[in-house]
Amino acid sequence: MRPSATTPIAAPEAPAVPIRIGQILGSISDKLAATETLLREQLRSDVPFVDDAGHYLTDSGGKRMRPALLLLAARLLGHDGEEEVTYATVVEFIHTATLIHDDIIDHSNLRRGRETVNQLWGNSLTVLLGDWIYTKAMRLALAHDNVEVIRQLTTATLRMTEGEMLCLQRLGAIDLTVDEYFSIIDRKTAHLFSAACSIPCLIQPARPEAAIPLRAYGRALGNCFQLVDDLLDFTASEGELGKPVLSDLKEGKLTLPLILLLPRVPRVERDKIEAVLTDRAFERVGANEILELVSREGTLEEVEEMARRYADEACEALAFFPPSETREALEIAPQFVLDRRS
């Protein structure tokens, strides 16, 4: 269930000490290292462009959040083998291919503070690279002959593509609704989080009873992640983001802080937002004018509260599992998502 924008939500107490990534990833550091190695191996090719771009992508870093969640879920269920490393790599491949295609569609020239692949090599080669990585992901997933895993991965990929199409169809639309927004982010982000968390249930010995809570955990965390991502477009610095602030609006995307704001402000202020959506630039209206609007109306705080509700929902889903260090790491992950600045 989507949290209501009007429901009062008590913010949880801040942790006594800042959450460190080691608190979450310590128990799976060896599996993450194996995943990174497999990523680099699988991005090698005798086609020079693929090889060069593959090196560039892996050197660019990334949070590896989806692989980490898959590996933690596998550990929670008692798995300790190669299969989860394979699927963690596949999930990161799917995510990477999606980012590549997104950068082409959005005409982006920066990601994580570095030039995008399409900026360096052009759109034609880069779209083919994204296709190559998607195909490589599915071929790699076949290594363990688990058809149900393939089904879940292809379903998540289809939903992500649908989400991108829905987003593109409504690009620049001033009348995008809250329901449309959540339909888009559920497809674009939450489905892959959900698949990453539940796929370990299919590794033998299978744990089908754990699939529902792990899917729920992943979906709630994915929605939380996207809400925070949208907030950072308003609240983080360009140095933290690795790209200019308010990039979403400049690309014609209306995110939740502005969707909530629009019905509350006079026509003259709606026109300012519409001008940026139309121009795809801060020419007639400055970025600071938009930032002042959302600050004044308090919609950033409302979206933050909704993100916190999703974080709570994710933690509640883990009550199905007995207490353990791995469950605790999964419980910490939502707070890490809420606290991130990039």
Foldseek 3Di string as FASTA:
>chain_A
DFDDLPDDFDDDDDDPDDDDVCLQCVVCVVLVVLLLVVQLVLQDDPPVLSNVVSVVVSVLPDPLVLLSLLSLLLVLVPDDDCLSSLLSNLLVLLVVLLVLVVCLLLVNQWASQHGHPCVVPNDVVSNVSSVVSNVSSLVSNCPVVQVVLSVLVVVLSVLLVVLVVLQVVCFLPLQDAPVSQVSSQLNNWQSSQLSSQQVSCSPPVHPVVLSVLSSLLSNLLRVLLVLLVLLLLLVFPCNQRSHHRPLCLLSRGDHQLSNVQVVPDDPVLSVLSSVSSVVSDCDVHHPVSVSVSSVVVVSSVSSLSSSSVSLVSSLVSLVVGDDDSSNVSSNCVSVCSSPGND
